[in-house]
Amino acid sequence: MITTWQTIYATKISEKGGLSSFILNKEKRSAGALINRLRKNLKYGSKILEVGTGTGAIGALLIKYGFDVTGIDIDTEMLKIAQKSFALFGKPDNLLNIDAKNVANIFKENSFDCVISHGMLEHYSNNDILLYLNDQLKISPLVVFVVPMKAMSANYKSKGFGNERYLSTKIWKKILKDNFYIKNIFGFGIKETNNLFIHDKIIKINLFAKIFAPFCAFNEFWITQK
């Protein structure tokens, strides 16, 4: 059977007992930490663009908490899942079939208060990453993105498509620092690593999420223009 993102996530959704359970389960872990930080730093009703929305789970949870979310993706099959996710919280039409490389041509300057992505940029070269982020910062003053890290265990890495780049926090900082201002770096995801001496509950505290970021399976970067 051909592996696609749709087949991967259809299995995950089924294992969690359906789409609603899948979304709410995400809020209990990494997505919940991200959403809490966004809620503390952005005003209620802020406009958010989610690039590479995938299942739409994170966008749906942000809608749940009162954000005006638009999701984009180039995978039409994933957009069908995302539409169902957004519909659970009343915004089934806030999705567009748009390539991430076109956002600066389609959306006006500062159209959004924040642009987010989760599990997207690790698929691209350093040059492409800089191009994507530069374009996103043309349409929003803040970009928040999440990527899987070098610290992730081989078992969890094997569940991807195989073209992901699992870089260290140090290398990501090197890619970003000459072009952007890095406001914050948070880490999360310990059960996906071999660093089980760190407890997941500790990482829910922002201070420790920063300190232990290099040991985590995911890093969450907050960047702005210099």
N, C-alpha and C. Protein backbone atom coordinates (compact mmCIF):
# COMPACT_ATOMS: atom_id res chain seq x y z
N MET A 1 0.84 -1.20 0.00
CA MET A 1 0.00 0.00 0.00
C MET A 1 0.88 1.25 0.00
N ILE A 2 0.52 2.24 -0.81
CA ILE A 2 1.27 3.49 -0.88
C ILE A 2 1.01 4.31 0.38
N THR A 3 2.09 4.77 1.00
CA THR A 3 1.97 5.58 2.20
C THR A 3 1.80 7.05 1.83
N THR A 4 0.77 7.66 2.33
CA THR A 4 0.53 9.09 2.14
C THR A 4 0.24 9.69 3.51
N TRP A 5 0.28 11.02 3.57
CA TRP A 5 -0.07 11.66 4.84
C TRP A 5 -1.50 11.32 5.24
N GLN A 6 -2.37 11.18 4.24
CA GLN A 6 -3.76 10.86 4.55
C GLN A 6 -3.86 9.48 5.22
N THR A 7 -3.14 8.48 4.69
CA THR A 7 -3.22 7.14 5.28
C THR A 7 -2.59 7.11 6.67
N ILE A 8 -1.50 7.86 6.84
CA ILE A 8 -0.84 7.92 8.15
C ILE A 8 -1.79 8.49 9.19
N TYR A 9 -2.42 9.62 8.86
CA TYR A 9 -3.27 10.28 9.84
C TYR A 9 -4.64 9.63 9.98
N ALA A 10 -5.10 8.99 8.94
CA ALA A 10 -6.36 8.24 9.07
C ALA A 10 -6.21 7.14 10.11
N THR A 11 -5.05 6.50 10.11
CA THR A 11 -4.75 5.46 11.10
C THR A 11 -4.68 6.05 12.50
N LYS A 12 -3.97 7.17 12.64
CA LYS A 12 -3.83 7.82 13.94
C LYS A 12 -5.17 8.27 14.50
N ILE A 13 -6.01 8.83 13.63
CA ILE A 13 -7.33 9.29 14.05
C ILE A 13 -8.18 8.12 14.52
N SER A 14 -8.10 7.02 13.79
CA SER A 14 -8.86 5.82 14.16
C SER A 14 -8.39 5.28 15.51
N GLU A 15 -7.07 5.28 15.73
CA GLU A 15 -6.51 4.77 16.98
C GLU A 15 -6.94 5.61 18.19
N LYS A 16 -7.19 6.89 17.95
CA LYS A 16 -7.60 7.77 19.04
C LYS A 16 -9.12 7.78 19.25
N GLY A 17 -9.86 7.04 18.43
CA GLY A 17 -11.30 6.94 18.61
C GLY A 17 -12.11 7.96 17.85
N GLY A 18 -11.52 8.51 16.80
CA GLY A 18 -12.25 9.47 15.98
C GLY A 18 -11.59 10.84 15.98
N LEU A 19 -12.07 11.70 15.09
CA LEU A 19 -11.44 13.00 14.88
C LEU A 19 -11.50 13.90 16.11
N SER A 20 -12.64 13.97 16.75
CA SER A 20 -12.79 14.83 17.92
C SER A 20 -11.83 14.40 19.03
N SER A 21 -11.74 13.11 19.29
CA SER A 21 -10.84 12.59 20.32
C SER A 21 -9.38 12.84 19.94
N PHE A 22 -9.07 12.69 18.66
CA PHE A 22 -7.72 12.93 18.15
C PHE A 22 -7.31 14.38 18.42
N ILE A 23 -8.21 15.32 18.14
CA ILE A 23 -7.92 16.74 18.33
C ILE A 23 -7.76 17.08 19.81
N LEU A 24 -8.69 16.63 20.63
CA LEU A 24 -8.64 16.95 22.05
C LEU A 24 -7.45 16.30 22.74
N ASN A 25 -7.02 15.13 22.24
CA ASN A 25 -5.83 14.48 22.79
C ASN A 25 -4.57 15.31 22.53
N LYS A 26 -4.53 15.95 21.36
CA LYS A 26 -3.39 16.81 21.04
C LYS A 26 -3.28 17.98 22.02
N GLU A 27 -4.43 18.47 22.45
CA GLU A 27 -4.41 19.60 23.37
C GLU A 27 -3.79 19.22 24.72
N LYS A 28 -3.83 17.96 25.07
CA LYS A 28 -3.28 17.50 26.35
C LYS A 28 -1.76 17.51 26.35
N ARG A 29 -1.17 17.47 25.16
CA ARG A 29 0.30 17.39 25.10
C ARG A 29 0.89 18.61 24.39
N SER A 30 1.65 18.40 23.34
CA SER A 30 2.42 19.47 22.72
C SER A 30 1.56 20.62 22.19
N ALA A 31 0.47 20.30 21.52
CA ALA A 31 -0.37 21.35 20.96
C ALA A 31 -0.94 22.23 22.06
N GLY A 32 -1.23 21.63 23.20
CA GLY A 32 -1.77 22.39 24.32
C GLY A 32 -0.79 23.43 24.83
N ALA A 33 0.50 23.06 24.90
CA ALA A 33 1.53 24.01 25.35
C ALA A 33 1.66 25.16 24.36
N LEU A 34 1.67 24.83 23.07
CA LEU A 34 1.75 25.85 22.03
C LEU A 34 0.56 26.79 22.10
N ILE A 35 -0.62 26.23 22.23
CA ILE A 35 -1.85 27.04 22.26
C ILE A 35 -1.88 27.94 23.48
N ASN A 36 -1.46 27.43 24.63
CA ASN A 36 -1.44 28.25 25.84
C ASN A 36 -0.50 29.44 25.68
N ARG A 37 0.65 29.21 25.04
CA ARG A 37 1.59 30.31 24.83
C ARG A 37 1.02 31.35 23.86
N LEU A 38 0.33 30.89 22.83
CA LEU A 38 -0.29 31.81 21.89
C LEU A 38 -1.40 32.61 22.57
N ARG A 39 -2.16 31.97 23.42
CA ARG A 39 -3.24 32.65 24.13
C ARG A 39 -2.71 33.74 25.06
N LYS A 40 -1.53 33.52 25.62
CA LYS A 40 -0.94 34.50 26.53
C LYS A 40 -0.30 35.67 25.79
N ASN A 41 0.09 35.43 24.54
CA ASN A 41 0.84 36.45 23.80
C ASN A 41 0.04 37.16 22.72
N LEU A 42 -1.12 36.62 22.35
CA LEU A 42 -1.95 37.23 21.32
C LEU A 42 -3.31 37.58 21.89
N LYS A 43 -3.89 38.64 21.38
CA LYS A 43 -5.22 39.05 21.82
C LYS A 43 -6.28 38.06 21.33
N TYR A 44 -7.34 37.97 22.10
CA TYR A 44 -8.50 37.17 21.70
C TYR A 44 -9.00 37.66 20.34
N GLY A 45 -9.23 36.73 19.42
CA GLY A 45 -9.72 37.10 18.09
C GLY A 45 -8.62 37.42 17.10
N SER A 46 -7.36 37.31 17.51
CA SER A 46 -6.25 37.59 16.59
C SER A 46 -6.31 36.69 15.37
N LYS A 47 -5.82 37.22 14.24
CA LYS A 47 -5.85 36.48 12.99
C LYS A 47 -4.59 35.64 12.85
N ILE A 48 -4.77 34.35 12.67
CA ILE A 48 -3.66 33.40 12.57
C ILE A 48 -3.74 32.64 11.26
N LEU A 49 -2.62 32.54 10.58
CA LEU A 49 -2.52 31.71 9.38
C LEU A 49 -1.74 30.46 9.76
N GLU A 50 -2.34 29.29 9.53
CA GLU A 50 -1.62 28.03 9.76
C GLU A 50 -1.18 27.48 8.41
N VAL A 51 0.14 27.44 8.21
CA VAL A 51 0.72 26.96 6.96
C VAL A 51 0.96 25.46 7.06
N GLY A 52 0.48 24.71 6.07
CA GLY A 52 0.58 23.26 6.14
C GLY A 52 -0.30 22.72 7.25
N THR A 53 -1.57 23.04 7.18
CA THR A 53 -2.49 22.76 8.29
C THR A 53 -2.70 21.27 8.55
N GLY A 54 -2.46 20.43 7.53
CA GLY A 54 -2.57 18.97 7.76
C GLY A 54 -3.97 18.56 8.16
N THR A 55 -4.08 17.93 9.33
CA THR A 55 -5.39 17.48 9.81
C THR A 55 -6.26 18.64 10.29
N GLY A 56 -5.64 19.80 10.46
CA GLY A 56 -6.39 20.95 10.97
C GLY A 56 -6.60 20.93 12.47
N ALA A 57 -5.96 19.98 13.16
CA ALA A 57 -6.20 19.83 14.61
C ALA A 57 -5.78 21.06 15.40
N ILE A 58 -4.60 21.59 15.12
CA ILE A 58 -4.12 22.74 15.88
C ILE A 58 -4.96 23.98 15.53
N GLY A 59 -5.23 24.16 14.25
CA GLY A 59 -6.07 25.28 13.85
C GLY A 59 -7.44 25.20 14.49
N ALA A 60 -8.00 24.01 14.56
CA ALA A 60 -9.32 23.82 15.17
C ALA A 60 -9.30 24.19 16.65
N LEU A 61 -8.24 23.80 17.34
CA LEU A 61 -8.14 24.13 18.77
C LEU A 61 -7.98 25.63 18.98
N LEU A 62 -7.27 26.28 18.07
CA LEU A 62 -7.14 27.74 18.16
C LEU A 62 -8.49 28.43 17.92
N ILE A 63 -9.27 27.88 16.99
CA ILE A 63 -10.63 28.39 16.76
C ILE A 63 -11.46 28.22 18.03
N LYS A 64 -11.29 27.09 18.67
CA LYS A 64 -12.00 26.81 19.92
C LYS A 64 -11.77 27.91 20.96
N TYR A 65 -10.57 28.48 20.96
CA TYR A 65 -10.24 29.51 21.93
C TYR A 65 -10.38 30.93 21.39
N GLY A 66 -11.12 31.06 20.30
CA GLY A 66 -11.52 32.39 19.86
C GLY A 66 -10.63 33.07 18.85
N PHE A 67 -9.65 32.36 18.29
CA PHE A 67 -8.80 32.96 17.26
C PHE A 67 -9.46 32.84 15.89
N ASP A 68 -9.15 33.80 15.04
CA ASP A 68 -9.64 33.80 13.66
C ASP A 68 -8.58 33.11 12.80
N VAL A 69 -8.77 31.83 12.55
CA VAL A 69 -7.74 30.99 11.92
C VAL A 69 -8.07 30.69 10.46
N THR A 70 -7.06 30.85 9.61
CA THR A 70 -7.12 30.40 8.23
C THR A 70 -6.06 29.32 8.05
N GLY A 71 -6.45 28.20 7.49
CA GLY A 71 -5.50 27.11 7.26
C GLY A 71 -5.25 26.93 5.77
N ILE A 72 -3.98 26.70 5.41
CA ILE A 72 -3.65 26.43 4.01
C ILE A 72 -2.83 25.14 3.90
N ASP A 73 -3.01 24.45 2.77
CA ASP A 73 -2.26 23.22 2.50
C ASP A 73 -2.34 22.95 1.01
N ILE A 74 -1.36 22.19 0.48
CA ILE A 74 -1.41 21.83 -0.94
C ILE A 74 -1.96 20.43 -1.14
N ASP A 75 -2.14 19.70 -0.04
CA ASP A 75 -2.65 18.32 -0.12
C ASP A 75 -4.17 18.36 -0.01
N THR A 76 -4.86 18.14 -1.11
CA THR A 76 -6.33 18.26 -1.12
C THR A 76 -7.01 17.21 -0.24
N GLU A 77 -6.38 16.05 -0.12
CA GLU A 77 -6.97 15.00 0.73
C GLU A 77 -6.87 15.38 2.21
N MET A 78 -5.73 15.99 2.59
CA MET A 78 -5.59 16.44 3.97
C MET A 78 -6.54 17.60 4.26
N LEU A 79 -6.78 18.44 3.26
CA LEU A 79 -7.71 19.56 3.45
C LEU A 79 -9.13 19.07 3.76
N LYS A 80 -9.48 17.90 3.21
CA LYS A 80 -10.81 17.33 3.51
C LYS A 80 -10.91 16.98 5.00
N ILE A 81 -9.82 16.44 5.55
CA ILE A 81 -9.80 16.13 6.98
C ILE A 81 -9.82 17.42 7.79
N ALA A 82 -9.01 18.39 7.36
CA ALA A 82 -8.94 19.68 8.07
C ALA A 82 -10.30 20.38 8.09
N GLN A 83 -11.04 20.28 6.99
CA GLN A 83 -12.36 20.91 6.94
C GLN A 83 -13.28 20.32 8.01
N LYS A 84 -13.20 19.01 8.20
CA LYS A 84 -13.99 18.36 9.24
C LYS A 84 -13.55 18.82 10.63
N SER A 85 -12.23 19.00 10.79
CA SER A 85 -11.71 19.47 12.08
C SER A 85 -12.19 20.88 12.38
N PHE A 86 -12.08 21.77 11.40
CA PHE A 86 -12.52 23.16 11.59
C PHE A 86 -14.04 23.22 11.82
N ALA A 87 -14.75 22.33 11.14
CA ALA A 87 -16.22 22.32 11.26
C ALA A 87 -16.67 21.99 12.68
N LEU A 88 -15.87 21.19 13.39
CA LEU A 88 -16.21 20.84 14.77
C LEU A 88 -16.32 22.08 15.65
N PHE A 89 -15.61 23.15 15.26
CA PHE A 89 -15.62 24.38 16.05
C PHE A 89 -16.18 25.56 15.26
N GLY A 90 -16.95 25.24 14.22
CA GLY A 90 -17.76 26.26 13.55
C GLY A 90 -17.14 27.03 12.42
N LYS A 91 -15.96 26.61 11.90
CA LYS A 91 -15.32 27.37 10.82
C LYS A 91 -14.92 26.46 9.65
N PRO A 92 -15.86 25.77 9.03
CA PRO A 92 -15.51 24.80 7.98
C PRO A 92 -14.96 25.42 6.70
N ASP A 93 -15.18 26.72 6.50
CA ASP A 93 -14.79 27.36 5.24
C ASP A 93 -13.47 28.12 5.32
N ASN A 94 -12.80 28.06 6.46
CA ASN A 94 -11.56 28.84 6.64
C ASN A 94 -10.32 28.08 6.18
N LEU A 95 -10.44 27.39 5.05
CA LEU A 95 -9.33 26.59 4.53
C LEU A 95 -9.14 26.86 3.04
N LEU A 96 -7.86 26.92 2.64
CA LEU A 96 -7.54 27.24 1.26
C LEU A 96 -6.46 26.31 0.72
N ASN A 97 -6.58 25.96 -0.55
CA ASN A 97 -5.57 25.13 -1.21
C ASN A 97 -4.51 26.06 -1.80
N ILE A 98 -3.51 26.37 -0.99
CA ILE A 98 -2.47 27.33 -1.36
C ILE A 98 -1.10 26.75 -1.00
N ASP A 99 -0.14 26.94 -1.88
CA ASP A 99 1.24 26.54 -1.63
C ASP A 99 1.88 27.57 -0.70
N ALA A 100 2.64 27.10 0.28
CA ALA A 100 3.29 27.99 1.24
C ALA A 100 4.19 29.02 0.56
N LYS A 101 4.76 28.66 -0.59
CA LYS A 101 5.69 29.58 -1.25
C LYS A 101 4.97 30.77 -1.90
N ASN A 102 3.64 30.75 -1.91
CA ASN A 102 2.88 31.83 -2.55
C ASN A 102 2.22 32.79 -1.57
N VAL A 103 2.46 32.62 -0.27
CA VAL A 103 1.68 33.41 0.70
C VAL A 103 1.90 34.91 0.55
N ALA A 104 3.13 35.32 0.24
CA ALA A 104 3.41 36.76 0.13
C ALA A 104 2.78 37.38 -1.11
N ASN A 105 2.45 36.53 -2.09
CA ASN A 105 1.78 37.02 -3.31
C ASN A 105 0.27 37.05 -3.15
N ILE A 106 -0.25 36.22 -2.29
CA ILE A 106 -1.70 36.09 -2.14
C ILE A 106 -2.25 36.97 -1.02
N PHE A 107 -1.52 37.05 0.09
CA PHE A 107 -1.99 37.83 1.24
C PHE A 107 -1.25 39.16 1.33
N LYS A 108 -1.96 40.19 1.75
CA LYS A 108 -1.36 41.53 1.88
C LYS A 108 -0.43 41.60 3.09
N GLU A 109 0.41 42.63 3.10
CA GLU A 109 1.32 42.86 4.22
C GLU A 109 0.53 42.97 5.52
N ASN A 110 1.03 42.26 6.54
CA ASN A 110 0.40 42.26 7.87
C ASN A 110 -1.08 41.86 7.84
N SER A 111 -1.40 40.89 7.01
CA SER A 111 -2.77 40.37 6.97
C SER A 111 -3.10 39.57 8.23
N PHE A 112 -2.04 39.09 8.91
CA PHE A 112 -2.24 38.24 10.08
C PHE A 112 -1.43 38.75 11.26
N ASP A 113 -1.86 38.35 12.45
CA ASP A 113 -1.13 38.68 13.67
C ASP A 113 -0.04 37.65 13.96
N CYS A 114 -0.21 36.47 13.40
CA CYS A 114 0.78 35.41 13.61
C CYS A 114 0.62 34.36 12.51
N VAL A 115 1.75 33.81 12.07
CA VAL A 115 1.75 32.66 11.16
C VAL A 115 2.35 31.48 11.91
N ILE A 116 1.70 30.32 11.86
CA ILE A 116 2.22 29.14 12.54
C ILE A 116 2.37 27.99 11.56
N SER A 117 3.28 27.10 11.88
CA SER A 117 3.39 25.83 11.15
C SER A 117 3.90 24.78 12.12
N HIS A 118 3.52 23.55 11.88
CA HIS A 118 3.91 22.44 12.77
C HIS A 118 4.29 21.26 11.89
N GLY A 119 5.57 20.88 11.92
CA GLY A 119 6.01 19.73 11.14
C GLY A 119 6.04 19.99 9.65
N MET A 120 6.57 21.14 9.24
CA MET A 120 6.65 21.46 7.83
C MET A 120 8.08 21.79 7.39
N LEU A 121 8.73 22.71 8.08
CA LEU A 121 10.00 23.25 7.61
C LEU A 121 11.14 22.23 7.60
N GLU A 122 11.01 21.16 8.37
CA GLU A 122 12.07 20.15 8.38
C GLU A 122 12.21 19.40 7.06
N HIS A 123 11.26 19.60 6.16
CA HIS A 123 11.30 18.93 4.85
C HIS A 123 12.07 19.73 3.80
N TYR A 124 12.59 20.92 4.18
CA TYR A 124 13.18 21.81 3.19
C TYR A 124 14.65 22.13 3.47
N SER A 125 15.32 22.63 2.44
CA SER A 125 16.73 23.04 2.56
C SER A 125 16.82 24.33 3.36
N ASN A 126 18.03 24.65 3.81
CA ASN A 126 18.23 25.90 4.56
C ASN A 126 17.76 27.11 3.77
N ASN A 127 18.12 27.16 2.49
CA ASN A 127 17.73 28.31 1.66
C ASN A 127 16.22 28.43 1.53
N ASP A 128 15.54 27.29 1.33
CA ASP A 128 14.08 27.31 1.22
C ASP A 128 13.44 27.73 2.53
N ILE A 129 14.00 27.27 3.65
CA ILE A 129 13.48 27.66 4.97
C ILE A 129 13.52 29.17 5.12
N LEU A 130 14.64 29.78 4.75
CA LEU A 130 14.78 31.24 4.86
C LEU A 130 13.79 31.96 3.96
N LEU A 131 13.58 31.43 2.76
CA LEU A 131 12.63 32.04 1.83
C LEU A 131 11.21 31.97 2.39
N TYR A 132 10.82 30.80 2.90
CA TYR A 132 9.48 30.63 3.47
C TYR A 132 9.27 31.59 4.63
N LEU A 133 10.23 31.65 5.54
CA LEU A 133 10.07 32.48 6.73
C LEU A 133 10.07 33.96 6.39
N ASN A 134 10.89 34.36 5.44
CA ASN A 134 10.89 35.76 5.00
C ASN A 134 9.52 36.15 4.44
N ASP A 135 8.93 35.27 3.63
CA ASP A 135 7.62 35.55 3.06
C ASP A 135 6.54 35.61 4.15
N GLN A 136 6.64 34.72 5.12
CA GLN A 136 5.65 34.70 6.20
C GLN A 136 5.74 35.97 7.05
N LEU A 137 6.96 36.48 7.21
CA LEU A 137 7.12 37.71 7.99
C LEU A 137 6.75 38.96 7.21
N LYS A 138 6.45 38.81 5.94
CA LYS A 138 5.90 39.93 5.16
C LYS A 138 4.41 40.10 5.44
N ILE A 139 3.76 39.01 5.80
CA ILE A 139 2.31 39.06 6.02
C ILE A 139 1.93 39.02 7.49
N SER A 140 2.93 38.91 8.36
CA SER A 140 2.67 38.84 9.80
C SER A 140 3.92 39.30 10.56
N PRO A 141 3.75 39.99 11.69
CA PRO A 141 4.92 40.42 12.47
C PRO A 141 5.56 39.30 13.28
N LEU A 142 4.85 38.16 13.40
CA LEU A 142 5.34 37.06 14.24
C LEU A 142 5.14 35.73 13.52
N VAL A 143 6.16 34.88 13.56
CA VAL A 143 6.07 33.53 13.03
C VAL A 143 6.45 32.55 14.14
N VAL A 144 5.63 31.53 14.32
CA VAL A 144 5.90 30.47 15.29
C VAL A 144 5.88 29.15 14.53
N PHE A 145 6.98 28.41 14.60
CA PHE A 145 7.00 27.12 13.91
C PHE A 145 7.58 26.03 14.79
N VAL A 146 7.08 24.83 14.57
CA VAL A 146 7.51 23.65 15.33
C VAL A 146 8.14 22.65 14.38
N VAL A 147 9.29 22.10 14.78
CA VAL A 147 9.99 21.12 13.96
C VAL A 147 10.49 19.97 14.84
N PRO A 148 10.57 18.75 14.29
CA PRO A 148 11.16 17.63 15.04
C PRO A 148 12.67 17.78 15.10
N MET A 149 13.27 17.24 16.15
CA MET A 149 14.68 17.51 16.42
C MET A 149 15.56 16.25 16.40
N LYS A 150 16.85 16.50 16.41
CA LYS A 150 17.85 15.44 16.42
C LYS A 150 17.67 14.50 17.60
N ALA A 151 17.18 15.02 18.73
CA ALA A 151 17.02 14.22 19.95
C ALA A 151 15.91 13.18 19.85
N MET A 152 15.08 13.25 18.83
CA MET A 152 13.99 12.27 18.68
C MET A 152 14.59 10.87 18.48
N SER A 153 13.96 9.89 19.09
CA SER A 153 14.47 8.52 19.01
C SER A 153 14.31 7.95 17.60
N ALA A 154 15.13 6.94 17.28
CA ALA A 154 15.07 6.30 15.96
C ALA A 154 13.70 5.69 15.71
N ASN A 155 13.05 5.21 16.76
CA ASN A 155 11.73 4.60 16.62
C ASN A 155 10.72 5.60 16.07
N TYR A 156 10.73 6.81 16.62
CA TYR A 156 9.78 7.83 16.16
C TYR A 156 10.18 8.41 14.81
N LYS A 157 11.48 8.51 14.55
CA LYS A 157 11.93 9.00 13.25
C LYS A 157 11.47 8.07 12.13
N SER A 158 11.41 6.79 12.41
CA SER A 158 11.03 5.80 11.40
C SER A 158 9.58 5.93 10.96
N LYS A 159 8.78 6.69 11.70
CA LYS A 159 7.36 6.84 11.37
C LYS A 159 7.10 7.96 10.37
N GLY A 160 8.15 8.70 10.00
CA GLY A 160 8.00 9.78 9.03
C GLY A 160 8.14 9.26 7.61
N PHE A 161 8.12 10.20 6.66
CA PHE A 161 8.27 9.83 5.26
C PHE A 161 9.72 9.53 4.89
N GLY A 162 10.65 10.04 5.69
CA GLY A 162 12.04 9.77 5.41
C GLY A 162 12.81 10.95 4.84
N ASN A 163 12.11 12.05 4.48
CA ASN A 163 12.83 13.21 3.96
C ASN A 163 12.91 14.33 4.98
N GLU A 164 12.53 14.03 6.22
CA GLU A 164 12.65 15.02 7.29
C GLU A 164 14.12 15.20 7.67
N ARG A 165 14.49 16.42 8.00
CA ARG A 165 15.83 16.67 8.51
C ARG A 165 15.73 16.89 10.02
N TYR A 166 16.35 16.02 10.78
CA TYR A 166 16.30 16.11 12.23
C TYR A 166 17.56 16.83 12.71
N LEU A 167 17.46 18.15 12.84
CA LEU A 167 18.60 18.97 13.20
C LEU A 167 18.60 19.27 14.70
N SER A 168 19.73 19.71 15.20
CA SER A 168 19.83 20.08 16.61
C SER A 168 19.34 21.52 16.81
N THR A 169 19.06 21.86 18.05
CA THR A 169 18.69 23.24 18.38
C THR A 169 19.79 24.20 17.95
N LYS A 170 21.03 23.80 18.16
CA LYS A 170 22.18 24.64 17.81
C LYS A 170 22.21 24.96 16.31
N ILE A 171 21.94 23.96 15.49
CA ILE A 171 21.97 24.18 14.03
C ILE A 171 20.80 25.05 13.59
N TRP A 172 19.62 24.83 14.17
CA TRP A 172 18.48 25.68 13.84
C TRP A 172 18.77 27.14 14.19
N LYS A 173 19.39 27.37 15.33
CA LYS A 173 19.74 28.74 15.73
C LYS A 173 20.72 29.35 14.73
N LYS A 174 21.65 28.54 14.25
CA LYS A 174 22.63 29.01 13.27
C LYS A 174 21.95 29.39 11.96
N ILE A 175 20.96 28.61 11.53
CA ILE A 175 20.22 28.90 10.30
C ILE A 175 19.46 30.22 10.43
N LEU A 176 18.91 30.46 11.61
CA LEU A 176 17.99 31.59 11.80
C LEU A 176 18.67 32.90 12.20
N LYS A 177 19.72 32.83 13.00
CA LYS A 177 20.19 34.01 13.73
C LYS A 177 20.65 35.17 12.85
N ASP A 178 21.18 34.90 11.66
CA ASP A 178 21.67 35.99 10.81
C ASP A 178 20.55 36.71 10.05
N ASN A 179 19.37 36.12 10.06
CA ASN A 179 18.26 36.66 9.27
C ASN A 179 17.07 37.13 10.10
N PHE A 180 16.92 36.57 11.29
CA PHE A 180 15.74 36.86 12.10
C PHE A 180 16.14 37.07 13.55
N TYR A 181 15.23 37.68 14.28
CA TYR A 181 15.39 37.77 15.73
C TYR A 181 14.64 36.59 16.36
N ILE A 182 15.34 35.79 17.12
CA ILE A 182 14.72 34.63 17.78
C ILE A 182 14.23 35.09 19.16
N LYS A 183 12.93 35.21 19.30
CA LYS A 183 12.35 35.67 20.56
C LYS A 183 12.41 34.58 21.62
N ASN A 184 12.05 33.36 21.23
CA ASN A 184 12.00 32.25 22.18
C ASN A 184 12.19 30.93 21.47
N ILE A 185 12.72 29.97 22.21
CA ILE A 185 12.77 28.58 21.75
C ILE A 185 12.27 27.71 22.90
N PHE A 186 11.21 26.97 22.65
CA PHE A 186 10.65 26.07 23.65
C PHE A 186 10.80 24.63 23.16
N GLY A 187 11.03 23.72 24.08
CA GLY A 187 11.09 22.31 23.73
C GLY A 187 9.91 21.56 24.31
N PHE A 188 9.50 20.51 23.64
CA PHE A 188 8.50 19.60 24.20
C PHE A 188 8.61 18.24 23.53
N GLY A 189 8.01 17.26 24.14
CA GLY A 189 8.08 15.90 23.62
C GLY A 189 9.27 15.16 24.20
N ILE A 190 9.05 14.40 25.27
CA ILE A 190 10.11 13.61 25.88
C ILE A 190 9.89 12.12 25.62
N LYS A 191 8.64 11.70 25.58
CA LYS A 191 8.38 10.27 25.36
C LYS A 191 8.85 9.81 23.99
N GLU A 192 9.05 10.77 23.06
CA GLU A 192 9.54 10.45 21.72
C GLU A 192 11.07 10.41 21.65
N THR A 193 11.73 10.61 22.77
CA THR A 193 13.20 10.62 22.80
C THR A 193 13.73 9.47 23.65
N ASN A 194 15.05 9.44 23.78
CA ASN A 194 15.68 8.50 24.71
C ASN A 194 16.06 9.19 26.02
N ASN A 195 15.64 10.46 26.16
CA ASN A 195 15.97 11.24 27.35
C ASN A 195 14.87 11.14 28.39
N LEU A 196 14.58 9.93 28.82
CA LEU A 196 13.44 9.71 29.70
C LEU A 196 13.69 10.14 31.14
N PHE A 197 14.90 10.66 31.42
CA PHE A 197 15.18 11.19 32.75
C PHE A 197 14.48 12.54 32.95
N ILE A 198 14.02 13.13 31.85
CA ILE A 198 13.25 14.38 31.94
C ILE A 198 11.77 14.03 31.91
N HIS A 199 11.01 14.58 32.83
CA HIS A 199 9.58 14.28 32.89
C HIS A 199 8.79 15.26 32.03
N ASP A 200 7.80 14.74 31.32
CA ASP A 200 6.97 15.56 30.44
C ASP A 200 6.34 16.75 31.17
N LYS A 201 6.00 16.55 32.44
CA LYS A 201 5.33 17.62 33.20
C LYS A 201 6.25 18.82 33.38
N ILE A 202 7.54 18.58 33.48
CA ILE A 202 8.50 19.67 33.65
C ILE A 202 8.49 20.59 32.43
N ILE A 203 8.37 19.97 31.24
CA ILE A 203 8.45 20.72 29.99
C ILE A 203 7.24 21.63 29.79
N LYS A 204 6.18 21.41 30.55
CA LYS A 204 5.00 22.27 30.43
C LYS A 204 5.23 23.64 31.06
N ILE A 205 6.29 23.75 31.87
CA ILE A 205 6.65 25.04 32.46
C ILE A 205 7.60 25.74 31.48
N ASN A 206 7.25 26.95 31.05
CA ASN A 206 8.01 27.63 29.99
C ASN A 206 9.50 27.72 30.26
N LEU A 207 9.88 28.03 31.50
CA LEU A 207 11.30 28.16 31.83
C LEU A 207 12.05 26.86 31.54
N PHE A 208 11.47 25.75 31.96
CA PHE A 208 12.13 24.46 31.74
C PHE A 208 12.02 24.02 30.29
N ALA A 209 10.95 24.44 29.62
CA ALA A 209 10.81 24.15 28.19
C ALA A 209 11.94 24.81 27.40
N LYS A 210 12.41 25.97 27.88
CA LYS A 210 13.54 26.64 27.24
C LYS A 210 14.86 25.95 27.58
N ILE A 211 15.04 25.65 28.85
CA ILE A 211 16.30 25.04 29.31
C ILE A 211 16.55 23.69 28.66
N PHE A 212 15.50 22.88 28.59
CA PHE A 212 15.65 21.50 28.11
C PHE A 212 15.36 21.33 26.62
N ALA A 213 15.19 22.44 25.90
CA ALA A 213 14.88 22.37 24.47
C ALA A 213 15.83 21.46 23.68
N PRO A 214 17.15 21.51 23.91
CA PRO A 214 18.06 20.66 23.12
C PRO A 214 17.87 19.16 23.35
N PHE A 215 17.18 18.79 24.44
CA PHE A 215 16.97 17.38 24.76
C PHE A 215 15.59 16.87 24.34
N CYS A 216 14.80 17.75 23.73
CA CYS A 216 13.41 17.41 23.40
C CYS A 216 13.25 16.94 21.96
N ALA A 217 12.13 16.28 21.70
CA ALA A 217 11.84 15.75 20.37
C ALA A 217 11.37 16.84 19.41
N PHE A 218 10.83 17.92 19.95
CA PHE A 218 10.35 19.03 19.13
C PHE A 218 10.84 20.35 19.71
N ASN A 219 11.10 21.29 18.83
CA ASN A 219 11.39 22.66 19.26
C ASN A 219 10.39 23.60 18.62
N GLU A 220 9.99 24.59 19.38
CA GLU A 220 9.03 25.60 18.94
C GLU A 220 9.75 26.95 18.91
N PHE A 221 9.91 27.51 17.72
CA PHE A 221 10.65 28.74 17.54
C PHE A 221 9.69 29.92 17.34
N TRP A 222 9.95 31.01 18.05
CA TRP A 222 9.21 32.26 17.88
C TRP A 222 10.16 33.26 17.27
N ILE A 223 9.87 33.74 16.06
CA ILE A 223 10.79 34.65 15.40
C ILE A 223 10.06 35.89 14.86
N THR A 224 10.84 36.96 14.72
CA THR A 224 10.36 38.20 14.11
C THR A 224 11.48 38.71 13.20
N GLN A 225 11.18 39.75 12.45
CA GLN A 225 12.22 40.40 11.67
C GLN A 225 13.18 41.12 12.60
N LYS A 226 14.45 41.23 12.22
CA LYS A 226 15.42 41.96 13.03
C LYS A 226 15.11 43.46 12.98
